[in-house]
Amino acid sequence: QVRLVESGGGLVQPGGSLRLSCTVSGRTFSKHAMGWFRQAPGKEREIVAAISRTGIYSNYGDAVKGRFTIYRDNSKNTVYLRMNSLKPEDTAVYSCAIASGEQYYVPTETVEYDVWGQGTQVTLSS
């Protein structure tokens, strides 16, 4: 059984930083791309960032480019999302997901991911 467990969410002031972690078990982590998505109340889920299986390539949603960084440690089966310069509009539930295939490119569509974590809440509040 594939399992993704996120951690690192919380309450932070605008301009602050957080790091989210997602640890995978039950699948060969290094053979799959990973993604971070978020969903705010009343809005559709959107991609935040995704990273290739090797970690060499990454892709970011327009709203977070230049502020967020995705990276992975294949020795720890963990993908991270470093979030800097947080804004109120970054408030959402953040979920990690693992790609269903073993593609070498960076998948950015939700349909390309088949297992999701439970999500972690990130709230911006002054």
Foldseek 3Di string as FASTA:
>chain_A
DKAKAKDWADEDAAQAKIKMKIAIPDDQQLQWKKFKWWDDPPDDIATAKIAFSNRPDMDGDPVQPPFKDWGDDSVRRMIMIIGGRDDQVVWTWMKMFIAPGRDRDTDGDPVRTDDMHPTDTHGYDD
